[in-house]
Structure formats: C-alpha cells, structure tokens
Amino acid sequence: MTVKAYIHSLKDHEHDRHMLGEAEIVNRIKDNLYLAEYNGVRCTAIFNPFAGAFFVDDVYGIVHNVG
C-alpha cells in the first residue's frame, strides 16, 4: 500500500523537522516493523500511533538481500 510517511532522508536539518513523502509499505515483518520501499530502496519502517504515520528509515534501515 502506498502511504504518506516521514522519510528519514528528507529530514530538514536546518529546522530539525521530519518531512513527508510517499512510500510503499511492502509487508509487515513483525510487531510494528515493516518492509518499505522509497525511491527503489527497500528499508525498514515503523508506525507511530501518536503521530498517526509511518516513519521510513532509508538511511540506516536499508534492507539488503530481501528474499
């Protein structure tokens, strides 16, 4: 499913704000850990119920050898 999500690499460092983008949630790995895809990069994501949004980590959460 395609969702609006906060994408790690889009962070506005000057104002210390997270920025929204579109990412694909590919599947659920386990409790509150998801496989996501952003700009062709497969990575991890979590859902933050307080923010009501996914947070996609395409910087430190890159997943290699998905299979």
Protein backbone atom coordinates (compact mmCIF):
# COMPACT_ATOMS: atom_id res chain seq x y z
CA MET A 1 0.00 0.00 0.00
CA THR A 2 1.24 3.49 -0.77
CA VAL A 3 1.23 5.83 2.23
CA LYS A 4 2.28 9.31 3.19
CA ALA A 5 5.23 8.78 5.53
CA TYR A 6 8.02 10.65 7.21
CA ILE A 7 11.13 9.75 5.22
CA HIS A 8 14.48 9.86 7.02
CA SER A 9 16.49 11.16 4.04
CA LEU A 10 14.04 14.05 3.54
CA LYS A 11 14.68 15.49 7.02
CA ASP A 12 15.02 19.27 7.10
CA HIS A 13 18.19 19.51 9.20
CA GLU A 14 18.22 23.30 9.19
CA HIS A 15 14.89 23.42 11.04
CA ASP A 16 15.15 19.92 12.62
CA ARG A 17 11.86 18.74 11.09
CA HIS A 18 10.79 15.47 9.54
CA MET A 19 9.35 15.78 6.04
CA LEU A 20 6.52 13.82 4.44
CA GLY A 21 6.88 11.80 1.27
CA GLU A 22 5.23 8.80 -0.36
CA ALA A 23 6.47 5.31 0.36
CA GLU A 24 5.24 1.81 -0.37
CA ILE A 25 4.67 -0.48 2.61
CA VAL A 26 5.57 -3.86 1.13
CA ASN A 27 4.75 -6.11 4.08
CA ARG A 28 4.81 -6.50 7.86
CA ILE A 29 7.95 -8.15 9.24
CA LYS A 30 6.84 -8.37 12.89
CA ASP A 31 5.14 -6.23 15.55
CA ASN A 32 5.48 -2.64 14.37
CA LEU A 33 8.29 -3.39 11.92
CA TYR A 34 7.57 -3.13 8.23
CA LEU A 35 9.41 -3.56 4.94
CA ALA A 36 9.02 -0.36 2.94
CA GLU A 37 10.25 0.91 -0.40
CA TYR A 38 11.17 4.51 -1.15
CA ASN A 39 12.82 5.59 -4.42
CA GLY A 40 13.66 1.98 -5.24
CA VAL A 41 15.35 1.39 -1.88
CA ARG A 42 13.98 -1.35 0.37
CA CYS A 43 14.20 -0.35 4.01
CA THR A 44 12.56 -0.67 7.40
CA ALA A 45 9.67 1.37 8.71
CA ILE A 46 7.66 1.66 11.90
CA PHE A 47 4.21 3.06 12.56
CA ASN A 48 3.98 5.74 15.22
CA PRO A 49 0.42 5.73 16.60
CA PHE A 50 0.93 9.09 18.34
CA ALA A 51 1.83 10.80 15.05
CA GLY A 52 -0.57 8.58 13.11
CA ALA A 53 2.08 7.98 10.45
CA PHE A 54 4.80 5.65 9.24
CA PHE A 55 8.44 6.59 9.70
CA VAL A 56 10.61 5.13 6.91
CA ASP A 57 14.35 4.79 7.54
CA ASP A 58 16.00 4.85 4.12
CA VAL A 59 19.33 5.94 5.66
CA TYR A 60 20.17 3.43 8.40
CA GLY A 61 17.42 0.86 7.82
CA ILE A 62 18.33 -0.27 4.29
CA VAL A 63 17.50 -3.94 3.79
CA HIS A 64 19.79 -5.99 1.58
CA ASN A 65 19.06 -9.46 0.16
CA VAL A 66 15.30 -9.43 0.58
CA GLY A 67 14.05 -12.79 -0.43
